[in-house]
Amino acid sequence: MFDPTVGTPTQADFGAFTPIVRTIAAESVRFGRPVYLFNGDSHIYNADHPLAAGSSWLAFYGAGAASNLTRVTVDGSANATKDWLKVTIDPADPAVLHWQRIPFTGM
């Protein structure tokens, strides 16, 4: 729903995600604390804020800004050969989650 490799999304390819993106945005704002979305659909590691103010995805989906939403896409398919994602939870930290890519050789 937020493929970083697509410069100009089309409704035919991404439009079906509209209801869920609008819900994620609204619920993220309502929650008021960090929200994390982990996915692997686009198969290229990426960490971003797809619904932050100024994002082109906001206009595409007609969603309100949700700057507290962080999306992390893990490597998938043929790209899952170099590293894995280690996620650490720290309830005392306002960010709550931290992650780092760990090379397979570093296990």
PDB file of N, CA and C in Angstrom:
ATOM      1  N   MET A   1       0.796  -1.200   0.000  1.00  0.00           N
ATOM      2  CA  MET A   1       0.000   0.000   0.000  1.00  0.00           C
ATOM      3  C   MET A   1       0.838   1.264   0.000  1.00  0.00           C
ATOM      4  N   PHE A   2       2.111   1.168   0.322  1.00  0.00           N
ATOM      5  CA  PHE A   2       3.029   2.314   0.286  1.00  0.00           C
ATOM      6  C   PHE A   2       4.331   1.892  -0.399  1.00  0.00           C
ATOM      7  N   ASP A   3       4.256   1.309  -1.550  1.00  0.00           N
ATOM      8  CA  ASP A   3       5.435   0.767  -2.231  1.00  0.00           C
ATOM      9  C   ASP A   3       6.407   1.893  -2.583  1.00  0.00           C
ATOM     10  N   PRO A   4       7.611   1.891  -1.979  1.00  0.00           N
ATOM     11  CA  PRO A   4       8.565   2.974  -2.239  1.00  0.00           C
ATOM     12  C   PRO A   4       9.149   2.945  -3.653  1.00  0.00           C
ATOM     13  N   THR A   5       8.935   1.859  -4.392  1.00  0.00           N
ATOM     14  CA  THR A   5       9.479   1.773  -5.741  1.00  0.00           C
ATOM     15  C   THR A   5       8.517   2.313  -6.792  1.00  0.00           C
ATOM     16  N   VAL A   6       7.321   2.714  -6.373  1.00  0.00           N
ATOM     17  CA  VAL A   6       6.314   3.213  -7.309  1.00  0.00           C
ATOM     18  C   VAL A   6       6.261   4.733  -7.226  1.00  0.00           C
ATOM     19  N   GLY A   7       6.608   5.383  -8.316  1.00  0.00           N
ATOM     20  CA  GLY A   7       6.601   6.840  -8.354  1.00  0.00           C
ATOM     21  C   GLY A   7       5.216   7.429  -8.531  1.00  0.00           C
ATOM     22  N   THR A   8       4.407   6.800  -9.359  1.00  0.00           N
ATOM     23  CA  THR A   8       3.059   7.290  -9.631  1.00  0.00           C
ATOM     24  C   THR A   8       2.073   6.133  -9.481  1.00  0.00           C
ATOM     25  N   PRO A   9       1.512   5.962  -8.287  1.00  0.00           N
ATOM     26  CA  PRO A   9       0.572   4.864  -8.085  1.00  0.00           C
ATOM     27  C   PRO A   9      -0.730   5.095  -8.850  1.00  0.00           C
ATOM     28  N   THR A  10      -1.388   4.015  -9.199  1.00  0.00           N
ATOM     29  CA  THR A  10      -2.683   4.108  -9.880  1.00  0.00           C
ATOM     30  C   THR A  10      -3.758   3.500  -8.980  1.00  0.00           C
ATOM     31  N   GLN A  11      -4.983   3.970  -9.178  1.00  0.00           N
ATOM     32  CA  GLN A  11      -6.102   3.420  -8.425  1.00  0.00           C
ATOM     33  C   GLN A  11      -6.278   1.934  -8.730  1.00  0.00           C
ATOM     34  N   ALA A  12      -6.000   1.545  -9.962  1.00  0.00           N
ATOM     35  CA  ALA A  12      -6.153   0.134 -10.339  1.00  0.00           C
ATOM     36  C   ALA A  12      -5.233  -0.766  -9.520  1.00  0.00           C
ATOM     37  N   ASP A  13      -4.034  -0.280  -9.184  1.00  0.00           N
ATOM     38  CA  ASP A  13      -3.067  -1.085  -8.448  1.00  0.00           C
ATOM     39  C   ASP A  13      -3.159  -0.913  -6.931  1.00  0.00           C
ATOM     40  N   PHE A  14      -3.507   0.281  -6.452  1.00  0.00           N
ATOM     41  CA  PHE A  14      -3.449   0.569  -5.028  1.00  0.00           C
ATOM     42  C   PHE A  14      -4.764   1.028  -4.411  1.00  0.00           C
ATOM     43  N   GLY A  15      -5.747   1.331  -5.232  1.00  0.00           N
ATOM     44  CA  GLY A  15      -6.999   1.894  -4.738  1.00  0.00           C
ATOM     45  C   GLY A  15      -7.731   1.039  -3.723  1.00  0.00           C
ATOM     46  N   ALA A  16      -7.605  -0.270  -3.810  1.00  0.00           N
ATOM     47  CA  ALA A  16      -8.308  -1.157  -2.875  1.00  0.00           C
ATOM     48  C   ALA A  16      -7.812  -0.987  -1.435  1.00  0.00           C
ATOM     49  N   PHE A  17      -6.632  -0.398  -1.256  1.00  0.00           N
ATOM     50  CA  PHE A  17      -6.103  -0.183   0.092  1.00  0.00           C
ATOM     51  C   PHE A  17      -6.699   1.057   0.773  1.00  0.00           C
ATOM     52  N   THR A  18      -7.465   1.868   0.049  1.00  0.00           N
ATOM     53  CA  THR A  18      -7.966   3.133   0.585  1.00  0.00           C
ATOM     54  C   THR A  18      -8.656   2.997   1.941  1.00  0.00           C
ATOM     55  N   PRO A  19      -9.627   2.098   2.109  1.00  0.00           N
ATOM     56  CA  PRO A  19     -10.291   2.023   3.427  1.00  0.00           C
ATOM     57  C   PRO A  19      -9.338   1.688   4.575  1.00  0.00           C
ATOM     58  N   ILE A  20      -8.416   0.765   4.355  1.00  0.00           N
ATOM     59  CA  ILE A  20      -7.508   0.392   5.448  1.00  0.00           C
ATOM     60  C   ILE A  20      -6.495   1.497   5.730  1.00  0.00           C
ATOM     61  N   VAL A  21      -6.018   2.183   4.704  1.00  0.00           N
ATOM     62  CA  VAL A  21      -5.066   3.279   4.926  1.00  0.00           C
ATOM     63  C   VAL A  21      -5.737   4.407   5.701  1.00  0.00           C
ATOM     64  N   ARG A  22      -6.953   4.751   5.339  1.00  0.00           N
ATOM     65  CA  ARG A  22      -7.677   5.796   6.071  1.00  0.00           C
ATOM     66  C   ARG A  22      -7.903   5.395   7.524  1.00  0.00           C
ATOM     67  N   THR A  23      -8.212   4.130   7.755  1.00  0.00           N
ATOM     68  CA  THR A  23      -8.412   3.641   9.122  1.00  0.00           C
ATOM     69  C   THR A  23      -7.104   3.654   9.902  1.00  0.00           C
ATOM     70  N   ILE A  24      -6.030   3.199   9.286  1.00  0.00           N
ATOM     71  CA  ILE A  24      -4.715   3.219   9.953  1.00  0.00           C
ATOM     72  C   ILE A  24      -4.342   4.653  10.324  1.00  0.00           C
ATOM     73  N   ALA A  25      -4.551   5.588   9.422  1.00  0.00           N
ATOM     74  CA  ALA A  25      -4.216   6.990   9.692  1.00  0.00           C
ATOM     75  C   ALA A  25      -5.049   7.530  10.853  1.00  0.00           C
ATOM     76  N   ALA A  26      -6.350   7.327  10.792  1.00  0.00           N
ATOM     77  CA  ALA A  26      -7.233   7.853  11.838  1.00  0.00           C
ATOM     78  C   ALA A  26      -6.942   7.228  13.201  1.00  0.00           C
ATOM     79  N   GLU A  27      -6.743   5.917  13.233  1.00  0.00           N
ATOM     80  CA  GLU A  27      -6.483   5.236  14.500  1.00  0.00           C
ATOM     81  C   GLU A  27      -5.104   5.575  15.047  1.00  0.00           C
ATOM     82  N   SER A  28      -4.135   5.817  14.174  1.00  0.00           N
ATOM     83  CA  SER A  28      -2.803   6.223  14.624  1.00  0.00           C
ATOM     84  C   SER A  28      -2.875   7.571  15.322  1.00  0.00           C
ATOM     85  N   VAL A  29      -3.580   8.498  14.709  1.00  0.00           N
ATOM     86  CA  VAL A  29      -3.739   9.830  15.316  1.00  0.00           C
ATOM     87  C   VAL A  29      -4.485   9.713  16.644  1.00  0.00           C
ATOM     88  N   ARG A  30      -5.547   8.932  16.646  1.00  0.00           N
ATOM     89  CA  ARG A  30      -6.345   8.768  17.862  1.00  0.00           C
ATOM     90  C   ARG A  30      -5.516   8.128  18.975  1.00  0.00           C
ATOM     91  N   PHE A  31      -4.648   7.183  18.637  1.00  0.00           N
ATOM     92  CA  PHE A  31      -3.799   6.514  19.623  1.00  0.00           C
ATOM     93  C   PHE A  31      -2.822   7.499  20.251  1.00  0.00           C
ATOM     94  N   GLY A  32      -2.236   8.381  19.428  1.00  0.00           N
ATOM     95  CA  GLY A  32      -1.400   9.453  19.942  1.00  0.00           C
ATOM     96  C   GLY A  32      -0.010   9.064  20.414  1.00  0.00           C
ATOM     97  N   ARG A  33       0.381   7.856  20.196  1.00  0.00           N
ATOM     98  CA  ARG A  33       1.723   7.388  20.549  1.00  0.00           C
ATOM     99  C   ARG A  33       2.314   6.702  19.328  1.00  0.00           C
ATOM    100  N   PRO A  34       3.559   6.257  19.374  1.00  0.00           N
ATOM    101  CA  PRO A  34       4.147   5.618  18.199  1.00  0.00           C
ATOM    102  C   PRO A  34       3.343   4.392  17.747  1.00  0.00           C
ATOM    103  N   VAL A  35       3.163   4.305  16.441  1.00  0.00           N
ATOM    104  CA  VAL A  35       2.502   3.167  15.811  1.00  0.00           C
ATOM    105  C   VAL A  35       3.473   2.619  14.767  1.00  0.00           C
ATOM    106  N   TYR A  36       3.627   1.307  14.736  1.00  0.00           N
ATOM    107  CA  TYR A  36       4.561   0.676  13.815  1.00  0.00           C
ATOM    108  C   TYR A  36       3.830  -0.295  12.907  1.00  0.00           C
ATOM    109  N   LEU A  37       4.141  -0.216  11.641  1.00  0.00           N
ATOM    110  CA  LEU A  37       3.583  -1.118  10.638  1.00  0.00           C
ATOM    111  C   LEU A  37       4.753  -1.849   9.996  1.00  0.00           C
ATOM    112  N   PHE A  38       4.840  -3.138  10.226  1.00  0.00           N
ATOM    113  CA  PHE A  38       5.889  -3.957   9.622  1.00  0.00           C
ATOM    114  C   PHE A  38       5.274  -4.745   8.485  1.00  0.00           C
ATOM    115  N   ASN A  39       5.941  -4.719   7.333  1.00  0.00           N
ATOM    116  CA  ASN A  39       5.454  -5.498   6.198  1.00  0.00           C
ATOM    117  C   ASN A  39       6.626  -5.962   5.352  1.00  0.00           C
ATOM    118  N   GLY A  40       6.346  -6.829   4.401  1.00  0.00           N
ATOM    119  CA  GLY A  40       7.391  -7.347   3.537  1.00  0.00           C
ATOM    120  C   GLY A  40       6.944  -7.442   2.100  1.00  0.00           C
ATOM    121  N   ASP A  41       5.896  -6.745   1.757  1.00  0.00           N
ATOM    122  CA  ASP A  41       5.293  -6.912   0.447  1.00  0.00           C
ATOM    123  C   ASP A  41       6.151  -6.395  -0.705  1.00  0.00           C
ATOM    124  N   SER A  42       6.827  -5.268  -0.513  1.00  0.00           N
ATOM    125  CA  SER A  42       7.592  -4.717  -1.638  1.00  0.00           C
ATOM    126  C   SER A  42       9.002  -5.309  -1.722  1.00  0.00           C
ATOM    127  N   HIS A  43       9.382  -6.091  -0.739  1.00  0.00           N
ATOM    128  CA  HIS A  43      10.602  -6.889  -0.774  1.00  0.00           C
ATOM    129  C   HIS A  43      11.909  -6.113  -0.807  1.00  0.00           C
ATOM    130  N   ILE A  44      11.882  -4.848  -0.452  1.00  0.00           N
ATOM    131  CA  ILE A  44      13.101  -4.052  -0.358  1.00  0.00           C
ATOM    132  C   ILE A  44      13.077  -3.361   0.997  1.00  0.00           C
ATOM    133  N   TYR A  45      14.154  -3.489   1.786  1.00  0.00           N
ATOM    134  CA  TYR A  45      14.172  -2.860   3.108  1.00  0.00           C
ATOM    135  C   TYR A  45      13.942  -1.362   2.972  1.00  0.00           C
ATOM    136  N   ASN A  46      13.082  -0.869   3.845  1.00  0.00           N
ATOM    137  CA  ASN A  46      12.783   0.563   3.870  1.00  0.00           C
ATOM    138  C   ASN A  46      12.175   0.887   5.227  1.00  0.00           C
ATOM    139  N   ALA A  47      12.529   2.021   5.784  1.00  0.00           N
ATOM    140  CA  ALA A  47      11.885   2.533   6.990  1.00  0.00           C
ATOM    141  C   ALA A  47      11.506   3.977   6.699  1.00  0.00           C
ATOM    142  N   ASP A  48      10.215   4.287   6.871  1.00  0.00           N
ATOM    143  CA  ASP A  48       9.761   5.631   6.547  1.00  0.00           C
ATOM    144  C   ASP A  48       8.497   5.984   7.321  1.00  0.00           C
ATOM    145  N   HIS A  49       7.960   7.133   7.006  1.00  0.00           N
ATOM    146  CA  HIS A  49       6.728   7.647   7.610  1.00  0.00           C
ATOM    147  C   HIS A  49       5.776   7.956   6.453  1.00  0.00           C
ATOM    148  N   PRO A  50       5.097   6.928   5.932  1.00  0.00           N
ATOM    149  CA  PRO A  50       4.317   7.111   4.708  1.00  0.00           C
ATOM    150  C   PRO A  50       3.111   8.028   4.827  1.00  0.00           C
ATOM    151  N   LEU A  51       2.665   8.315   6.048  1.00  0.00           N
ATOM    152  CA  LEU A  51       1.506   9.185   6.212  1.00  0.00           C
ATOM    153  C   LEU A  51       1.848  10.484   6.944  1.00  0.00           C
ATOM    154  N   ALA A  52       3.129  10.859   6.938  1.00  0.00           N
ATOM    155  CA  ALA A  52       3.540  12.129   7.537  1.00  0.00           C
ATOM    156  C   ALA A  52       3.099  13.280   6.636  1.00  0.00           C
ATOM    157  N   ALA A  53       2.979  14.453   7.216  1.00  0.00           N
ATOM    158  CA  ALA A  53       2.606  15.638   6.444  1.00  0.00           C
ATOM    159  C   ALA A  53       3.540  15.786   5.246  1.00  0.00           C
ATOM    160  N   GLY A  54       2.975  16.057   4.086  1.00  0.00           N
ATOM    161  CA  GLY A  54       3.753  16.226   2.867  1.00  0.00           C
ATOM    162  C   GLY A  54       3.890  14.968   2.034  1.00  0.00           C
ATOM    163  N   SER A  55       3.495  13.827   2.577  1.00  0.00           N
ATOM    164  CA  SER A  55       3.597  12.575   1.830  1.00  0.00           C
ATOM    165  C   SER A  55       2.609  12.562   0.666  1.00  0.00           C
ATOM    166  N   SER A  56       3.060  12.090  -0.479  1.00  0.00           N
ATOM    167  CA  SER A  56       2.171  12.002  -1.644  1.00  0.00           C
ATOM    168  C   SER A  56       1.075  10.957  -1.429  1.00  0.00           C
ATOM    169  N   TRP A  57       1.289  10.023  -0.523  1.00  0.00           N
ATOM    170  CA  TRP A  57       0.280   8.991  -0.251  1.00  0.00           C
ATOM    171  C   TRP A  57      -0.965   9.589   0.402  1.00  0.00           C
ATOM    172  N   LEU A  58      -0.832  10.689   1.126  1.00  0.00           N
ATOM    173  CA  LEU A  58      -2.002  11.304   1.771  1.00  0.00           C
ATOM    174  C   LEU A  58      -3.044  11.717   0.743  1.00  0.00           C
ATOM    175  N   ALA A  59      -2.614  12.414  -0.281  1.00  0.00           N
ATOM    176  CA  ALA A  59      -3.557  12.846  -1.323  1.00  0.00           C
ATOM    177  C   ALA A  59      -4.077  11.652  -2.105  1.00  0.00           C
ATOM    178  N   PHE A  60      -3.230  10.695  -2.381  1.00  0.00           N
ATOM    179  CA  PHE A  60      -3.649   9.531  -3.158  1.00  0.00           C
ATOM    180  C   PHE A  60      -4.778   8.786  -2.450  1.00  0.00           C
ATOM    181  N   TYR A  61      -4.633   8.580  -1.138  1.00  0.00           N
ATOM    182  CA  TYR A  61      -5.637   7.830  -0.386  1.00  0.00           C
ATOM    183  C   TYR A  61      -6.706   8.717   0.248  1.00  0.00           C
ATOM    184  N   GLY A  62      -6.531  10.032   0.180  1.00  0.00           N
ATOM    185  CA  GLY A  62      -7.493  10.918   0.826  1.00  0.00           C
ATOM    186  C   GLY A  62      -7.494  10.737   2.332  1.00  0.00           C
ATOM    187  N   ALA A  63      -6.311  10.519   2.885  1.00  0.00           N
ATOM    188  CA  ALA A  63      -6.166  10.256   4.319  1.00  0.00           C
ATOM    189  C   ALA A  63      -5.600  11.480   5.023  1.00  0.00           C
ATOM    190  N   GLY A  64      -5.864  11.563   6.321  1.00  0.00           N
ATOM    191  CA  GLY A  64      -5.257  12.606   7.131  1.00  0.00           C
ATOM    192  C   GLY A  64      -3.856  12.202   7.536  1.00  0.00           C
ATOM    193  N   ALA A  65      -3.035  13.187   7.848  1.00  0.00           N
ATOM    194  CA  ALA A  65      -1.647  12.920   8.231  1.00  0.00           C
ATOM    195  C   ALA A  65      -1.581  12.180   9.567  1.00  0.00           C
ATOM    196  N   ALA A  66      -0.641  11.265   9.660  1.00  0.00           N
ATOM    197  CA  ALA A  66      -0.376  10.508  10.890  1.00  0.00           C
ATOM    198  C   ALA A  66       1.136  10.415  11.041  1.00  0.00           C
ATOM    199  N   SER A  67       1.731  11.456  11.605  1.00  0.00           N
ATOM    200  CA  SER A  67       3.194  11.511  11.710  1.00  0.00           C
ATOM    201  C   SER A  67       3.749  10.499  12.706  1.00  0.00           C
ATOM    202  N   ASN A  68       2.907   9.928  13.555  1.00  0.00           N
ATOM    203  CA  ASN A  68       3.380   8.945  14.537  1.00  0.00           C
ATOM    204  C   ASN A  68       3.427   7.528  13.979  1.00  0.00           C
ATOM    205  N   LEU A  69       3.081   7.356  12.700  1.00  0.00           N
ATOM    206  CA  LEU A  69       3.134   6.038  12.068  1.00  0.00           C
ATOM    207  C   LEU A  69       4.487   5.828  11.386  1.00  0.00           C
ATOM    208  N   THR A  70       5.177   4.784  11.774  1.00  0.00           N
ATOM    209  CA  THR A  70       6.426   4.389  11.130  1.00  0.00           C
ATOM    210  C   THR A  70       6.196   3.058  10.445  1.00  0.00           C
ATOM    211  N   ARG A  71       6.590   2.990   9.193  1.00  0.00           N
ATOM    212  CA  ARG A  71       6.450   1.741   8.442  1.00  0.00           C
ATOM    213  C   ARG A  71       7.844   1.179   8.200  1.00  0.00           C
ATOM    214  N   VAL A  72       8.009  -0.125   8.445  1.00  0.00           N
ATOM    215  CA  VAL A  72       9.265  -0.811   8.188  1.00  0.00           C
ATOM    216  C   VAL A  72       8.962  -1.972   7.251  1.00  0.00           C
ATOM    217  N   THR A  73       9.581  -1.945   6.086  1.00  0.00           N
ATOM    218  CA  THR A  73       9.449  -3.038   5.127  1.00  0.00           C
ATOM    219  C   THR A  73      10.711  -3.879   5.219  1.00  0.00           C
ATOM    220  N   VAL A  74      10.542  -5.152   5.478  1.00  0.00           N
ATOM    221  CA  VAL A  74      11.701  -6.044   5.563  1.00  0.00           C
ATOM    222  C   VAL A  74      12.011  -6.615   4.189  1.00  0.00           C
ATOM    223  N   ASP A  75      13.267  -6.995   4.006  1.00  0.00           N
ATOM    224  CA  ASP A  75      13.649  -7.646   2.757  1.00  0.00           C
ATOM    225  C   ASP A  75      12.810  -8.903   2.575  1.00  0.00           C
ATOM    226  N   GLY A  76      12.455  -9.165   1.342  1.00  0.00           N
ATOM    227  CA  GLY A  76      11.674 -10.356   1.066  1.00  0.00           C
ATOM    228  C   GLY A  76      12.114 -11.000  -0.228  1.00  0.00           C
ATOM    229  N   SER A  77      11.558 -12.146  -0.490  1.00  0.00           N
ATOM    230  CA  SER A  77      11.809 -12.875  -1.722  1.00  0.00           C
ATOM    231  C   SER A  77      13.311 -13.066  -1.932  1.00  0.00           C
ATOM    232  N   ALA A  78      13.813 -12.706  -3.092  1.00  0.00           N
ATOM    233  CA  ALA A  78      15.228 -12.921  -3.416  1.00  0.00           C
ATOM    234  C   ALA A  78      16.156 -11.995  -2.637  1.00  0.00           C
ATOM    235  N   ASN A  79      15.644 -10.928  -2.035  1.00  0.00           N
ATOM    236  CA  ASN A  79      16.486  -9.988  -1.290  1.00  0.00           C
ATOM    237  C   ASN A  79      16.762 -10.437   0.142  1.00  0.00           C
ATOM    238  N   ALA A  80      16.106 -11.485   0.605  1.00  0.00           N
ATOM    239  CA  ALA A  80      16.270 -11.932   1.991  1.00  0.00           C
ATOM    240  C   ALA A  80      17.473 -12.862   2.125  1.00  0.00           C
ATOM    241  N   THR A  81      18.615 -12.424   1.667  1.00  0.00           N
ATOM    242  CA  THR A  81      19.809 -13.262   1.693  1.00  0.00           C
ATOM    243  C   THR A  81      20.957 -12.660   2.493  1.00  0.00           C
ATOM    244  N   LYS A  82      20.843 -11.395   2.901  1.00  0.00           N
ATOM    245  CA  LYS A  82      21.960 -10.709   3.531  1.00  0.00           C
ATOM    246  C   LYS A  82      21.796 -10.508   5.031  1.00  0.00           C
ATOM    247  N   ASP A  83      20.559 -10.211   5.468  1.00  0.00           N
ATOM    248  CA  ASP A  83      20.386  -9.873   6.870  1.00  0.00           C
ATOM    249  C   ASP A  83      18.964 -10.144   7.339  1.00  0.00           C
ATOM    250  N   TRP A  84      18.787  -9.984   8.643  1.00  0.00           N
ATOM    251  CA  TRP A  84      17.475 -10.126   9.256  1.00  0.00           C
ATOM    252  C   TRP A  84      17.249  -8.903  10.132  1.00  0.00           C
ATOM    253  N   LEU A  85      16.028  -8.686  10.540  1.00  0.00           N
ATOM    254  CA  LEU A  85      15.688  -7.500  11.317  1.00  0.00           C
ATOM    255  C   LEU A  85      15.486  -7.882  12.784  1.00  0.00           C
ATOM    256  N   LYS A  86      16.305  -7.281  13.640  1.00  0.00           N
ATOM    257  CA  LYS A  86      16.174  -7.498  15.077  1.00  0.00           C
ATOM    258  C   LYS A  86      15.362  -6.339  15.649  1.00  0.00           C
ATOM    259  N   VAL A  87      14.248  -6.666  16.313  1.00  0.00           N
ATOM    260  CA  VAL A  87      13.381  -5.651  16.908  1.00  0.00           C
ATOM    261  C   VAL A  87      13.469  -5.774  18.419  1.00  0.00           C
ATOM    262  N   THR A  88      13.717  -4.648  19.080  1.00  0.00           N
ATOM    263  CA  THR A  88      13.836  -4.600  20.527  1.00  0.00           C
ATOM    264  C   THR A  88      12.734  -3.716  21.089  1.00  0.00           C
ATOM    265  N   ILE A  89      12.090  -4.194  22.131  1.00  0.00           N
ATOM    266  CA  ILE A  89      11.033  -3.432  22.794  1.00  0.00           C
ATOM    267  C   ILE A  89      11.581  -2.876  24.095  1.00  0.00           C
ATOM    268  N   ASP A  90      11.365  -1.567  24.309  1.00  0.00           N
ATOM    269  CA  ASP A  90      11.781  -0.919  25.540  1.00  0.00           C
ATOM    270  C   ASP A  90      10.627  -0.036  26.017  1.00  0.00           C
ATOM    271  N   PRO A  91       9.778  -0.540  26.910  1.00  0.00           N
ATOM    272  CA  PRO A  91       8.621   0.231  27.361  1.00  0.00           C
ATOM    273  C   PRO A  91       8.990   1.557  28.029  1.00  0.00           C
ATOM    274  N   ALA A  92      10.215   1.683  28.531  1.00  0.00           N
ATOM    275  CA  ALA A  92      10.633   2.928  29.179  1.00  0.00           C
ATOM    276  C   ALA A  92      11.024   4.006  28.172  1.00  0.00           C
ATOM    277  N   ASP A  93      11.248   3.620  26.926  1.00  0.00           N
ATOM    278  CA  ASP A  93      11.643   4.555  25.871  1.00  0.00           C
ATOM    279  C   ASP A  93      10.383   5.075  25.183  1.00  0.00           C
ATOM    280  N   PRO A  94      10.248   6.381  24.996  1.00  0.00           N
ATOM    281  CA  PRO A  94       9.059   6.910  24.317  1.00  0.00           C
ATOM    282  C   PRO A  94       8.861   6.344  22.909  1.00  0.00           C
ATOM    283  N   ALA A  95       9.931   5.943  22.249  1.00  0.00           N
ATOM    284  CA  ALA A  95       9.810   5.365  20.908  1.00  0.00           C
ATOM    285  C   ALA A  95       9.334   3.910  20.967  1.00  0.00           C
ATOM    286  N   VAL A  96       9.483   3.260  22.087  1.00  0.00           N
ATOM    287  CA  VAL A  96       9.055   1.891  22.387  1.00  0.00           C
ATOM    288  C   VAL A  96       9.856   0.836  21.622  1.00  0.00           C
ATOM    289  N   LEU A  97       9.971   0.952  20.305  1.00  0.00           N
ATOM    290  CA  LEU A  97      10.659  -0.051  19.489  1.00  0.00           C
ATOM    291  C   LEU A  97      11.917   0.515  18.857  1.00  0.00           C
ATOM    292  N   HIS A  98      12.882  -0.359  18.714  1.00  0.00           N
ATOM    293  CA  HIS A  98      14.097  -0.049  17.951  1.00  0.00           C
ATOM    294  C   HIS A  98      14.404  -1.284  17.119  1.00  0.00           C
ATOM    295  N   TRP A  99      15.010  -1.083  15.981  1.00  0.00           N
ATOM    296  CA  TRP A  99      15.352  -2.214  15.139  1.00  0.00           C
ATOM    297  C   TRP A  99      16.689  -1.980  14.463  1.00  0.00           C
ATOM    298  N   GLN A 100      17.316  -3.069  14.114  1.00  0.00           N
ATOM    299  CA  GLN A 100      18.560  -2.996  13.368  1.00  0.00           C
ATOM    300  C   GLN A 100      18.665  -4.205  12.466  1.00  0.00           C
ATOM    301  N   ARG A 101      19.337  -4.003  11.362  1.00  0.00           N
ATOM    302  CA  ARG A 101      19.560  -5.096  10.423  1.00  0.00           C
ATOM    303  C   ARG A 101      20.811  -5.828  10.860  1.00  0.00           C
ATOM    304  N   ILE A 102      20.673  -7.138  10.995  1.00  0.00           N
ATOM    305  CA  ILE A 102      21.778  -7.987  11.450  1.00  0.00           C
ATOM    306  C   ILE A 102      22.195  -8.893  10.303  1.00  0.00           C
ATOM    307  N   PRO A 103      23.463  -8.849   9.887  1.00  0.00           N
ATOM    308  CA  PRO A 103      23.900  -9.744   8.812  1.00  0.00           C
ATOM    309  C   PRO A 103      23.751 -11.202   9.239  1.00  0.00           C
ATOM    310  N   PHE A 104      23.397 -12.049   8.307  1.00  0.00           N
ATOM    311  CA  PHE A 104      23.257 -13.470   8.603  1.00  0.00           C
ATOM    312  C   PHE A 104      24.547 -14.023   9.199  1.00  0.00           C
ATOM    313  N   THR A 105      25.698 -13.510   8.770  1.00  0.00           N
ATOM    314  CA  THR A 105      26.968 -13.997   9.293  1.00  0.00           C
ATOM    315  C   THR A 105      27.196 -13.565  10.737  1.00  0.00           C
ATOM    316  N   GLY A 106      26.431 -12.594  11.223  1.00  0.00           N
ATOM    317  CA  GLY A 106      26.610 -12.086  12.573  1.00  0.00           C
ATOM    318  C   GLY A 106      25.769 -12.791  13.617  1.00  0.00           C
ATOM    319  N   MET A 107      25.141 -13.893  13.250  1.00  0.00           N
ATOM    320  CA  MET A 107      24.267 -14.594  14.199  1.00  0.00           C
ATOM    321  C   MET A 107      25.075 -15.431  15.158  1.00  0.00           C
TER     322      MET A 107
END
